[in-house]
Amino acid sequence: MIEEVISVSEDFYVLSTSSRVDDRVRVLKHGETFAVFDRFGDIERFGNGRLGVYHQDTRFLSRFTLRVGKHRPLLLSSSIKDDNAILAVDLMNPDFLLADAVVIPHGTVHIFRSKVLWEATLHERIRIHNYGMLPVELDFVIEFDANFADIFEVRGMDRERRGRRLATEITPDTVILGYEGLDECIRRTRIAFDPPATRLTESEANFQIALNSGDEANYYCAIACEPDGGARGAHHSAAGGARPKIALSYDKAAKCAVDAFKRARVEEPEFFTSNEQFNDWLNRSIADLHMLRTKTACGLYPYAGVPWFSTAFGRDGIITALECLWFNPALARGVLSYLAAKQAHIENAEQDAEPGKILHETRQGEMAALGEVPFGLYYGSIDATPLFVMLAGAYYERTGDRAFARSIWPNVARALTWIDRYGDRDRDGFVEYARRSHHGLVHQGWKDSHDAIFDADGQPAEGPIALCEVQGYVYAAKLAAAELARGLGDNAMAQELVSQAEKLRQRFDESSLAACVPPTQVTAFSLELRLTSARAA
């Protein structure tokens, strides 16, 4: 139905038909699933290549765009709520043309999109409201696709072979996109629409809508990430019927996400200052930390960051736990429990693993399962092991939790053995690294890019490499373990560890002076010594 007709040639009228594209993104995360959108709430093929919905290191949704008519809506606002639970996007229609006339002027129809991610399912509500004086008829289309790319493919790695796409399954209100990987795992993306689309294909959902003046309509969509392991045909129930519908509605999912944030805040002290800008920064930081925290079988673990590092990293988890220890020691307990459970027990060159070593990184995607990347369980970190011991000591000092300290003491003891036996390969008294895996990290300290460490002449440094801050961590780890041993009643072990720490300090000072090391290169270790000594005093 044609509404108000405005001549395109009218003086000073600027035709509005398109929106700008930029590289700013919006992020949601829950558990092992995260989603990255542009500011429109879309996942586009062009522009920022990281957009998508990811689950267990696989992109389960690589395209999801909303068009009104043939045009992209115009952006009014876009924001993640303060608790990181909901993405809210306000849009309006562009000018709709018929011949040389504007049929529906821009701004007549308001489109509100809200998204929430909960338990591997992205829920979206689309609310369309007619603010015009006359009825409107329009159509909108949602375009979708799933390429099931491993996260390392998205990051730019090429693969010689990939798995195969499965035949798309379509019902009146649901589309199931499937992929069988080379790891024999079948991954599916199930997209359900409520109400059903006017026309549904394997790549588009088309809706026709008619609204009287002041009316609105709501549409719902749920996108479920379903890794079915090696069970071919697992989309059918044991009784042979169709897979059950997605149980949780948008409203229930949103409530669960908001309530989870509220519970997390209740468990922690409340922070506020007289500076509102500082309070905003602090609240956003806490909300971001809560979003990154992931529930594992061993407790909460702070994942390292969306999109490329949304997994457990040893160093990052430990340092985050240390920084949060004063107000939330439960996070440190979760990190210690998880890393203790993943501690290496055997030598494996491709994983850079040795008995007692603490995890650097773990991955769950197809390429990790096939060994195309070594990061299924990867131990190429020189500092995670002493940092683990430091955190164990700091947690006991903060909480006095003797039962937990006793339970992980065997892991602490194995970590100390690794430091002395495997960490110091050339027996010079310092802990150093040299890559053993053909695909692993060349450099294994906190600066772990391939060109991070170089000699004084600018040439790349070759292993074994002893980073000075790592010697500081080892010194602090031995003092922390000494206090832990003393708390568990082993005074002889405590004294031995204190003696080892002192010998390391002396050896470091002597080596630095003998080599005429510039003062800037010993600052990290000297600072660690001062901080640790002050804490012990």
Protein backbone atom coordinates (compact mmCIF):
# COMPACT_ATOMS: atom_id res chain seq x y z
CA MET A 1 0.00 0.00 0.00
CA ILE A 2 1.38 3.41 -1.02
CA GLU A 3 1.67 5.83 1.88
CA GLU A 4 2.80 9.48 1.69
CA VAL A 5 4.26 10.24 -1.74
CA ILE A 6 7.09 12.79 -1.86
CA SER A 7 8.59 13.91 -5.15
CA VAL A 8 12.26 13.06 -5.44
CA SER A 9 12.83 16.36 -7.25
CA GLU A 10 11.56 18.41 -4.31
CA ASP A 11 14.07 21.13 -3.45
CA PHE A 12 16.60 20.32 -0.73
CA TYR A 13 15.38 16.76 -0.23
CA VAL A 14 18.28 14.38 0.32
CA LEU A 15 17.41 10.83 -0.69
CA SER A 16 18.37 8.34 2.02
CA THR A 17 18.90 4.79 0.74
CA SER A 18 22.03 3.33 2.24
CA SER A 19 24.12 3.10 5.38
CA ARG A 20 27.82 3.33 6.00
CA VAL A 21 29.89 0.26 6.70
CA ASP A 22 32.51 0.43 9.45
CA ASP A 23 34.74 -1.98 11.32
CA ARG A 24 33.36 -1.57 14.83
CA VAL A 25 31.97 -4.77 16.27
CA ARG A 26 29.66 -6.00 19.03
CA VAL A 27 30.45 -9.15 21.02
CA LEU A 28 28.38 -11.63 23.03
CA LYS A 29 29.75 -14.69 24.84
CA HIS A 30 28.46 -17.51 26.98
CA GLY A 31 30.38 -20.64 27.85
CA GLU A 32 32.19 -22.12 24.85
CA THR A 33 30.20 -19.95 22.42
CA PHE A 34 30.76 -16.38 21.29
CA ALA A 35 29.38 -14.15 18.57
CA VAL A 36 30.86 -11.14 16.77
CA PHE A 37 28.52 -8.79 14.87
CA ASP A 38 28.83 -5.47 13.14
CA ARG A 39 26.96 -2.52 14.66
CA PHE A 40 23.78 -3.41 12.72
CA GLY A 41 23.67 -6.78 14.44
CA ASP A 42 24.60 -8.43 11.14
CA ILE A 43 27.21 -10.97 10.13
CA GLU A 44 28.36 -9.86 6.69
CA ARG A 45 30.58 -11.71 4.21
CA PHE A 46 32.56 -8.59 3.37
CA GLY A 47 34.37 -6.21 5.71
CA ASN A 48 35.62 -7.59 9.02
CA GLY A 49 36.46 -11.24 8.45
CA ARG A 50 36.06 -12.28 12.08
CA LEU A 51 32.27 -11.80 12.18
CA GLY A 52 30.29 -14.92 13.03
CA VAL A 53 28.91 -17.21 15.71
CA TYR A 54 31.57 -19.59 17.02
CA HIS A 55 31.29 -22.67 19.18
CA GLN A 56 34.23 -24.77 20.33
CA ASP A 57 36.60 -23.05 17.88
CA THR A 58 34.34 -23.53 14.83
CA ARG A 59 32.32 -20.83 13.05
CA PHE A 60 28.76 -22.17 13.03
CA LEU A 61 27.27 -19.05 11.43
CA SER A 62 29.19 -17.10 8.80
CA ARG A 63 26.39 -14.93 7.42
CA PHE A 64 23.27 -13.46 8.98
CA THR A 65 21.98 -10.20 7.52
CA LEU A 66 18.70 -8.34 7.70
CA ARG A 67 17.36 -6.44 4.68
CA VAL A 68 14.15 -4.45 4.42
CA GLY A 69 13.02 -4.60 0.84
CA LYS A 70 16.28 -4.55 -1.09
CA HIS A 71 18.03 -2.21 1.31
CA ARG A 72 19.93 -2.39 4.51
CA PRO A 73 18.13 -0.51 7.31
CA LEU A 74 19.60 2.76 8.57
CA LEU A 75 21.42 2.59 11.87
CA LEU A 76 20.15 4.70 14.79
CA SER A 77 22.05 3.18 17.71
CA SER A 78 23.83 0.02 18.73
CA SER A 79 25.08 -1.03 22.14
CA ILE A 80 25.84 -3.91 24.42
CA LYS A 81 23.98 -3.59 27.71
CA ASP A 82 26.11 -2.80 30.76
CA ASP A 83 26.01 -6.41 31.92
CA ASN A 84 27.16 -7.73 28.51
CA ALA A 85 24.06 -9.93 28.36
CA ILE A 86 22.09 -8.34 25.50
CA LEU A 87 22.93 -6.62 22.23
CA ALA A 88 20.39 -3.91 21.36
CA VAL A 89 20.24 -2.33 17.89
CA ASP A 90 17.84 0.43 16.76
CA LEU A 91 17.24 0.75 13.03
CA MET A 92 14.80 2.49 10.70
CA ASN A 93 13.73 2.02 7.13
CA PRO A 94 15.47 3.87 4.30
CA ASP A 95 13.43 5.63 1.64
CA PHE A 96 11.45 3.09 -0.39
CA LEU A 97 11.09 4.13 -4.02
CA LEU A 98 8.47 3.46 -6.66
CA ALA A 99 9.40 4.99 -10.01
CA ASP A 100 10.40 8.58 -9.12
CA ALA A 101 8.45 8.78 -5.87
CA VAL A 102 9.30 7.99 -2.27
CA VAL A 103 6.68 5.44 -1.20
CA ILE A 104 7.63 5.07 2.45
CA PRO A 105 9.84 7.90 3.74
CA HIS A 106 12.80 6.92 5.84
CA GLY A 107 12.10 6.80 9.55
CA THR A 108 8.50 5.64 9.14
CA VAL A 109 9.24 2.10 10.32
CA HIS A 110 11.33 1.45 13.42
CA ILE A 111 13.16 -1.88 13.69
CA PHE A 112 14.52 -3.01 17.04
CA ARG A 113 16.82 -6.02 17.17
CA SER A 114 17.90 -7.59 20.45
CA LYS A 115 20.16 -10.62 20.76
CA VAL A 116 21.17 -12.84 23.66
CA LEU A 117 23.53 -15.81 23.70
CA TRP A 118 22.80 -18.67 26.08
CA GLU A 119 23.91 -22.31 26.15
CA ALA A 120 25.25 -22.49 22.59
CA THR A 121 22.13 -20.82 21.13
CA LEU A 122 21.79 -17.27 19.83
CA HIS A 123 18.28 -15.90 20.39
CA GLU A 124 17.07 -12.82 18.52
CA ARG A 125 13.89 -10.76 18.71
CA ILE A 126 13.01 -8.38 15.87
CA ARG A 127 10.33 -5.82 16.71
CA ILE A 128 8.92 -3.75 13.82
CA HIS A 129 6.75 -0.70 14.57
CA ASN A 130 4.91 1.57 12.15
CA TYR A 131 5.16 5.19 13.29
CA GLY A 132 3.54 6.51 10.11
CA MET A 133 0.01 7.89 9.83
CA LEU A 134 -1.06 5.34 7.20
CA PRO A 135 -0.77 1.55 6.88
CA VAL A 136 2.41 0.11 5.38
CA GLU A 137 3.19 -3.13 3.60
CA LEU A 138 6.75 -4.27 3.30
CA ASP A 139 8.88 -7.36 3.26
CA PHE A 140 12.13 -8.17 4.97
CA VAL A 141 14.60 -10.94 4.35
CA ILE A 142 17.21 -12.65 6.49
CA GLU A 143 20.13 -14.14 4.57
CA PHE A 144 22.18 -16.80 6.33
CA ASP A 145 24.99 -19.29 5.81
CA ALA A 146 27.42 -21.44 7.78
CA ASN A 147 30.88 -22.28 6.41
CA PHE A 148 31.99 -24.25 9.51
CA ALA A 149 35.49 -22.81 9.27
CA ASP A 150 37.97 -23.69 11.98
CA ILE A 151 39.03 -20.60 13.90
CA PHE A 152 42.57 -20.95 12.56
CA GLU A 153 41.17 -20.87 9.03
CA VAL A 154 39.33 -17.67 9.89
CA ARG A 155 42.62 -16.29 11.20
CA GLY A 156 44.20 -16.94 7.79
CA MET A 157 45.65 -20.47 7.74
CA ASP A 158 45.22 -22.44 4.52
CA ARG A 159 44.13 -26.07 4.51
CA GLU A 160 44.83 -28.60 1.77
CA ARG A 161 41.57 -30.41 2.42
CA ARG A 162 38.32 -29.73 4.23
CA GLY A 163 35.33 -31.83 5.15
CA ARG A 164 32.06 -31.85 3.24
CA ARG A 165 28.84 -29.90 3.54
CA LEU A 166 25.80 -32.02 4.27
CA ALA A 167 22.48 -31.64 2.50
CA THR A 168 20.48 -28.78 3.98
CA GLU A 169 17.32 -29.82 5.80
CA ILE A 170 14.30 -27.51 5.55
CA THR A 171 10.98 -27.67 7.39
CA PRO A 172 8.27 -24.97 7.46
CA ASP A 173 9.99 -23.11 10.33
CA THR A 174 13.53 -24.52 10.53
CA VAL A 175 16.70 -24.84 8.46
CA ILE A 176 19.52 -27.19 9.45
CA LEU A 177 22.94 -26.58 7.87
CA GLY A 178 25.42 -29.41 8.34
CA TYR A 179 29.10 -30.22 7.91
CA GLU A 180 31.07 -33.43 8.36
CA GLY A 181 34.68 -32.65 9.21
CA LEU A 182 37.78 -34.63 8.43
CA ASP A 183 37.79 -35.45 12.15
CA GLU A 184 34.49 -37.35 11.54
CA CYS A 185 32.65 -34.90 13.76
CA ILE A 186 29.31 -33.73 12.42
CA ARG A 187 28.52 -30.10 13.21
CA ARG A 188 25.12 -28.56 12.57
CA THR A 189 23.62 -25.10 12.73
CA ARG A 190 19.89 -25.13 13.36
CA ILE A 191 17.97 -21.93 12.60
CA ALA A 192 14.35 -21.74 13.75
CA PHE A 193 11.90 -18.91 12.98
CA ASP A 194 8.77 -17.92 14.90
CA PRO A 195 6.44 -17.17 13.23
CA PRO A 196 7.50 -19.21 10.20
CA ALA A 197 8.81 -17.30 7.21
CA THR A 198 6.57 -16.63 4.23
CA ARG A 199 9.21 -18.37 2.13
CA LEU A 200 12.15 -20.35 3.51
CA THR A 201 15.09 -21.63 1.45
CA GLU A 202 18.52 -22.99 2.33
CA SER A 203 19.94 -19.46 2.42
CA GLU A 204 17.04 -17.01 2.96
CA ALA A 205 13.99 -16.44 5.09
CA ASN A 206 11.50 -14.01 3.54
CA PHE A 207 8.75 -12.34 5.57
CA GLN A 208 5.86 -10.17 4.39
CA ILE A 209 4.36 -7.78 6.87
CA ALA A 210 1.40 -5.36 6.91
CA LEU A 211 1.07 -2.86 9.77
CA ASN A 212 -1.62 -0.31 10.48
CA SER A 213 -0.59 3.06 11.88
CA GLY A 214 0.86 2.57 15.36
CA ASP A 215 0.97 -1.24 15.12
CA GLU A 216 3.98 -3.44 15.74
CA ALA A 217 4.93 -7.06 15.10
CA ASN A 218 7.49 -9.33 16.76
CA TYR A 219 9.57 -12.01 15.09
CA TYR A 220 11.87 -14.48 16.82
CA CYS A 221 14.84 -16.47 15.62
CA ALA A 222 17.01 -19.03 17.41
CA ILE A 223 20.35 -20.29 16.05
CA ALA A 224 21.66 -23.38 17.82
CA CYS A 225 25.22 -24.70 17.48
CA GLU A 226 25.10 -28.48 17.57
CA PRO A 227 28.34 -30.48 17.50
CA ASP A 228 27.19 -34.10 17.38
CA GLY A 229 30.54 -35.82 17.56
CA GLY A 230 30.95 -38.74 15.23
CA ALA A 231 27.29 -39.77 15.44
CA ARG A 232 26.11 -39.69 11.84
CA GLY A 233 22.41 -38.98 11.59
CA ALA A 234 22.31 -37.72 15.16
CA HIS A 235 19.71 -35.13 14.19
CA HIS A 236 17.11 -37.85 14.63
CA SER A 237 15.94 -39.05 18.02
CA ALA A 238 16.39 -42.60 19.23
CA ALA A 239 12.75 -43.25 18.37
CA GLY A 240 13.36 -42.14 14.80
CA GLY A 241 11.50 -38.85 15.06
CA ALA A 242 12.74 -35.35 14.34
CA ARG A 243 15.07 -33.51 16.68
CA PRO A 244 13.10 -31.68 19.42
CA LYS A 245 12.56 -27.97 19.06
CA ILE A 246 14.79 -25.43 20.81
CA ALA A 247 13.37 -25.47 24.33
CA LEU A 248 14.32 -22.02 25.55
CA SER A 249 12.53 -18.89 24.35
CA TYR A 250 14.12 -15.50 23.82
CA ASP A 251 12.57 -14.11 27.03
CA LYS A 252 13.75 -17.06 29.12
CA ALA A 253 17.24 -16.95 27.64
CA ALA A 254 17.50 -13.20 28.32
CA LYS A 255 16.35 -13.73 31.90
CA CYS A 256 18.90 -16.50 32.43
CA ALA A 257 21.72 -14.33 31.09
CA VAL A 258 20.77 -11.31 33.22
CA ASP A 259 20.24 -13.42 36.33
CA ALA A 260 23.65 -15.09 35.87
CA PHE A 261 25.32 -11.67 35.86
CA LYS A 262 23.40 -10.61 38.95
CA ARG A 263 24.47 -13.75 40.80
CA ALA A 264 28.09 -13.11 39.88
CA ARG A 265 27.89 -9.58 41.22
CA VAL A 266 26.28 -10.72 44.48
CA GLU A 267 29.21 -13.07 45.09
CA GLU A 268 31.71 -10.20 44.87
CA PRO A 269 32.18 -6.96 46.82
CA GLU A 270 30.66 -3.81 45.37
CA PHE A 271 33.05 -1.12 44.19
CA PHE A 272 32.26 2.55 43.87
CA THR A 273 34.07 5.88 44.11
CA SER A 274 33.17 9.56 44.04
CA ASN A 275 34.16 9.70 40.35
CA GLU A 276 31.35 8.51 38.09
CA GLN A 277 33.58 8.13 35.04
CA PHE A 278 35.89 5.88 37.03
CA ASN A 279 32.86 3.92 38.25
CA ASP A 280 31.69 3.40 34.66
CA TRP A 281 35.13 2.15 33.66
CA LEU A 282 35.27 -0.17 36.66
CA ASN A 283 31.78 -1.59 36.07
CA ARG A 284 32.53 -2.21 32.41
CA SER A 285 35.77 -3.99 33.35
CA ILE A 286 33.95 -6.22 35.84
CA ALA A 287 31.25 -7.01 33.28
CA ASP A 288 33.90 -7.89 30.68
CA LEU A 289 35.64 -10.15 33.18
CA HIS A 290 32.35 -11.90 33.95
CA MET A 291 31.74 -12.42 30.24
CA LEU A 292 35.15 -14.02 29.77
CA ARG A 293 34.74 -16.31 32.76
CA THR A 294 33.73 -19.76 31.55
CA LYS A 295 32.34 -22.59 33.61
CA THR A 296 34.45 -25.74 33.28
CA ALA A 297 34.28 -29.09 35.04
CA CYS A 298 36.97 -27.75 37.38
CA GLY A 299 35.36 -24.39 38.14
CA LEU A 300 35.41 -20.92 36.58
CA TYR A 301 38.21 -20.05 34.17
CA PRO A 302 38.80 -16.61 32.60
CA TYR A 303 39.25 -17.15 28.86
CA ALA A 304 41.87 -14.97 27.23
CA GLY A 305 39.75 -12.90 24.81
CA VAL A 306 37.29 -12.80 21.93
CA PRO A 307 37.61 -13.66 19.11
CA TRP A 308 40.97 -15.38 18.61
CA PHE A 309 41.71 -16.36 22.20
CA SER A 310 38.36 -17.45 23.61
CA THR A 311 39.82 -20.50 25.32
CA ALA A 312 41.89 -21.42 28.34
CA PHE A 313 45.43 -20.01 28.29
CA GLY A 314 47.68 -20.89 31.20
CA ARG A 315 49.57 -17.63 31.56
CA ASP A 316 46.56 -15.39 30.99
CA GLY A 317 44.33 -17.32 33.37
CA ILE A 318 46.94 -17.31 36.13
CA ILE A 319 47.71 -13.60 35.87
CA THR A 320 44.00 -12.73 35.80
CA ALA A 321 43.44 -14.89 38.88
CA LEU A 322 46.35 -13.21 40.68
CA GLU A 323 44.93 -9.77 39.90
CA CYS A 324 41.46 -10.79 41.13
CA LEU A 325 42.66 -12.76 44.14
CA TRP A 326 42.03 -9.99 46.66
CA PHE A 327 38.31 -9.75 45.91
CA ASN A 328 37.43 -13.13 44.34
CA PRO A 329 39.73 -16.02 45.33
CA ALA A 330 37.23 -18.52 43.85
CA LEU A 331 38.53 -17.60 40.40
CA ALA A 332 42.06 -18.60 41.42
CA ARG A 333 40.75 -21.91 42.75
CA GLY A 334 39.07 -22.62 39.41
CA VAL A 335 42.25 -21.76 37.49
CA LEU A 336 44.44 -23.91 39.72
CA SER A 337 42.03 -26.85 39.52
CA TYR A 338 41.77 -26.66 35.74
CA LEU A 339 45.51 -26.36 35.14
CA ALA A 340 46.27 -29.11 37.63
CA ALA A 341 43.89 -31.40 35.73
CA LYS A 342 45.60 -30.53 32.42
CA GLN A 343 49.19 -30.76 33.73
CA ALA A 344 51.44 -32.72 31.38
CA HIS A 345 52.37 -36.28 32.43
CA ILE A 346 54.53 -37.42 29.51
CA GLU A 347 57.01 -36.02 27.01
CA ASN A 348 55.48 -35.09 23.67
CA ALA A 349 57.67 -33.03 21.37
CA GLU A 350 54.82 -31.95 19.08
CA GLN A 351 52.97 -30.51 22.07
CA ASP A 352 56.15 -29.11 23.69
CA ALA A 353 55.06 -31.15 26.71
CA GLU A 354 57.14 -32.59 29.55
CA PRO A 355 56.02 -34.11 32.86
CA GLY A 356 54.93 -31.44 35.31
CA LYS A 357 54.63 -28.64 32.74
CA ILE A 358 51.58 -26.36 32.85
CA LEU A 359 49.33 -25.79 29.87
CA HIS A 360 49.85 -22.90 27.49
CA GLU A 361 46.66 -23.27 25.44
CA THR A 362 43.90 -25.71 24.55
CA ARG A 363 41.64 -25.89 21.47
CA GLN A 364 38.58 -27.93 20.47
CA GLY A 365 38.30 -27.35 16.72
CA GLU A 366 38.72 -29.67 13.76
CA MET A 367 42.28 -28.60 12.96
CA ALA A 368 43.41 -29.21 16.55
CA ALA A 369 41.72 -32.62 16.59
CA LEU A 370 43.54 -33.60 13.39
CA GLY A 371 46.91 -32.27 14.57
CA GLU A 372 47.03 -29.64 11.81
CA VAL A 373 47.78 -27.22 14.65
CA PRO A 374 49.39 -28.44 17.90
CA PHE A 375 47.04 -26.56 20.19
CA GLY A 376 44.60 -29.29 21.24
CA LEU A 377 46.71 -29.45 24.38
CA TYR A 378 49.81 -27.31 23.93
CA TYR A 379 52.46 -26.64 26.54
CA GLY A 380 54.80 -24.20 24.77
CA SER A 381 54.95 -21.66 27.59
CA ILE A 382 58.10 -21.16 29.67
CA ASP A 383 56.45 -19.06 32.37
CA ALA A 384 53.08 -20.76 33.00
CA THR A 385 54.66 -23.41 35.24
CA PRO A 386 56.38 -21.09 37.77
CA LEU A 387 53.35 -18.78 37.63
CA PHE A 388 51.14 -21.74 38.56
CA VAL A 389 53.24 -22.34 41.67
CA MET A 390 53.11 -18.63 42.51
CA LEU A 391 49.31 -18.65 42.26
CA ALA A 392 49.04 -21.77 44.44
CA GLY A 393 51.06 -20.04 47.16
CA ALA A 394 49.18 -16.78 46.81
CA TYR A 395 45.81 -18.54 47.00
CA TYR A 396 46.78 -20.32 50.21
CA GLU A 397 48.11 -17.09 51.70
CA ARG A 398 44.84 -15.32 50.81
CA THR A 399 42.39 -18.03 51.94
CA GLY A 400 44.14 -20.40 54.33
CA ASP A 401 42.38 -23.21 52.44
CA ARG A 402 44.64 -26.02 53.68
CA ALA A 403 42.50 -28.84 52.28
CA PHE A 404 42.68 -27.47 48.74
CA ALA A 405 46.38 -26.67 49.10
CA ARG A 406 47.04 -30.25 50.14
CA SER A 407 45.01 -31.58 47.20
CA ILE A 408 47.10 -29.71 44.60
CA TRP A 409 50.46 -30.06 46.37
CA PRO A 410 51.39 -33.07 44.16
CA ASN A 411 50.85 -30.81 41.12
CA VAL A 412 52.98 -28.09 42.70
CA ALA A 413 55.71 -30.64 43.42
CA ARG A 414 55.63 -31.89 39.80
CA ALA A 415 55.84 -28.30 38.56
CA LEU A 416 58.91 -27.68 40.75
CA THR A 417 60.49 -30.86 39.40
CA TRP A 418 59.83 -29.66 35.85
CA ILE A 419 61.52 -26.32 36.63
CA ASP A 420 64.68 -28.02 37.85
CA ARG A 421 64.84 -30.93 35.40
CA TYR A 422 63.30 -29.82 32.10
CA GLY A 423 63.25 -26.05 32.51
CA ASP A 424 67.02 -25.90 32.96
CA ARG A 425 68.14 -28.08 30.07
CA ASP A 426 71.74 -26.87 29.89
CA ARG A 427 72.16 -26.95 33.70
CA ASP A 428 73.37 -23.36 33.91
CA GLY A 429 71.02 -22.61 36.80
CA PHE A 430 68.48 -20.68 34.71
CA VAL A 431 65.20 -21.73 33.13
CA GLU A 432 65.20 -21.42 29.34
CA TYR A 433 63.13 -22.52 26.35
CA ALA A 434 63.75 -23.95 22.91
CA ARG A 435 60.92 -25.07 20.69
CA ARG A 436 60.60 -28.80 20.06
CA SER A 437 57.34 -28.83 18.09
CA HIS A 438 57.62 -28.16 14.35
CA HIS A 439 54.37 -26.19 14.48
CA GLY A 440 54.64 -24.67 17.95
CA LEU A 441 55.64 -21.24 19.15
CA VAL A 442 59.18 -20.10 18.39
CA HIS A 443 59.17 -17.84 21.45
CA GLN A 444 57.46 -19.01 24.60
CA GLY A 445 57.47 -16.11 27.04
CA TRP A 446 54.80 -13.43 27.30
CA LYS A 447 56.22 -11.93 24.09
CA ASP A 448 55.55 -14.94 21.90
CA SER A 449 55.35 -13.60 18.36
CA HIS A 450 57.91 -15.13 16.00
CA ASP A 451 60.05 -11.96 15.94
CA ALA A 452 59.67 -11.02 19.61
CA ILE A 453 63.22 -11.76 20.82
CA PHE A 454 66.40 -10.69 19.05
CA ASP A 455 70.09 -10.21 19.75
CA ALA A 456 71.82 -6.87 20.24
CA ASP A 457 72.67 -6.75 16.52
CA GLY A 458 69.01 -7.12 15.60
CA GLN A 459 69.25 -10.73 14.43
CA PRO A 460 66.61 -13.19 15.64
CA ALA A 461 67.70 -14.88 18.85
CA GLU A 462 68.09 -18.67 18.75
CA GLY A 463 67.26 -21.04 21.59
CA PRO A 464 67.79 -21.92 24.27
CA ILE A 465 66.69 -18.50 25.55
CA ALA A 466 66.56 -17.57 29.25
CA LEU A 467 64.22 -14.61 29.77
CA CYS A 468 65.14 -12.55 32.79
CA GLU A 469 61.52 -12.14 34.00
CA VAL A 470 61.14 -15.93 34.01
CA GLN A 471 64.02 -16.20 36.47
CA GLY A 472 62.06 -13.77 38.65
CA TYR A 473 59.00 -15.99 38.42
CA VAL A 474 61.07 -19.05 39.37
CA TYR A 475 62.51 -17.20 42.37
CA ALA A 476 59.00 -16.13 43.47
CA ALA A 477 57.63 -19.63 42.82
CA LYS A 478 60.18 -21.26 45.09
CA LEU A 479 59.46 -18.81 47.89
CA ALA A 480 55.71 -19.31 47.42
CA ALA A 481 56.13 -23.09 47.43
CA ALA A 482 58.25 -22.80 50.60
CA GLU A 483 55.40 -21.03 52.41
CA LEU A 484 52.96 -23.60 51.08
CA ALA A 485 55.15 -26.47 52.29
CA ARG A 486 55.51 -24.83 55.67
CA GLY A 487 51.73 -24.45 55.93
CA LEU A 488 51.37 -28.16 55.18
CA GLY A 489 53.89 -29.07 57.86
CA ASP A 490 56.95 -29.85 55.72
CA ASN A 491 59.54 -27.49 57.20
CA ALA A 492 62.50 -29.33 55.66
CA MET A 493 61.08 -28.86 52.15
CA ALA A 494 60.34 -25.21 52.94
CA GLN A 495 63.93 -24.56 53.99
CA GLU A 496 65.30 -26.32 50.91
CA LEU A 497 63.14 -24.19 48.60
CA VAL A 498 64.21 -20.97 50.33
CA SER A 499 67.82 -22.02 49.88
CA GLN A 500 67.26 -22.74 46.16
CA ALA A 501 65.65 -19.33 45.69
CA GLU A 502 68.58 -17.57 47.35
CA LYS A 503 71.09 -19.44 45.18
CA LEU A 504 69.17 -18.38 42.08
CA ARG A 505 69.23 -14.76 43.17
CA GLN A 506 72.96 -14.84 43.73
CA ARG A 507 73.60 -16.61 40.43
CA PHE A 508 71.50 -14.07 38.55
CA ASP A 509 73.29 -11.10 40.10
CA GLU A 510 76.70 -12.61 39.39
CA SER A 511 75.84 -13.48 35.79
CA SER A 512 74.39 -10.03 35.15
CA LEU A 513 77.49 -8.29 36.43
CA ALA A 514 79.86 -10.63 34.60
CA ALA A 515 78.05 -10.09 31.30
CA CYS A 516 77.70 -6.34 31.89
CA VAL A 517 73.95 -6.60 31.25
CA PRO A 518 72.42 -3.11 30.89
CA PRO A 519 70.26 -2.12 33.89
CA THR A 520 67.08 -2.08 31.79
CA GLN A 521 67.40 -5.81 31.15
CA VAL A 522 67.45 -6.73 34.84
CA THR A 523 64.66 -4.42 35.93
CA ALA A 524 61.91 -7.04 35.70
CA PHE A 525 63.79 -9.55 37.82
CA SER A 526 64.98 -6.99 40.34
CA LEU A 527 61.46 -5.64 40.74
CA GLU A 528 60.14 -9.19 41.24
CA LEU A 529 62.76 -9.75 43.92
CA ARG A 530 61.80 -6.57 45.76
CA LEU A 531 58.07 -7.29 45.58
CA THR A 532 58.45 -10.89 46.69
CA SER A 533 60.81 -9.98 49.52
CA ALA A 534 58.44 -7.28 50.73
CA ARG A 535 55.50 -9.69 50.67
CA ALA A 536 57.46 -12.33 52.57
CA ALA A 537 58.49 -9.75 55.19
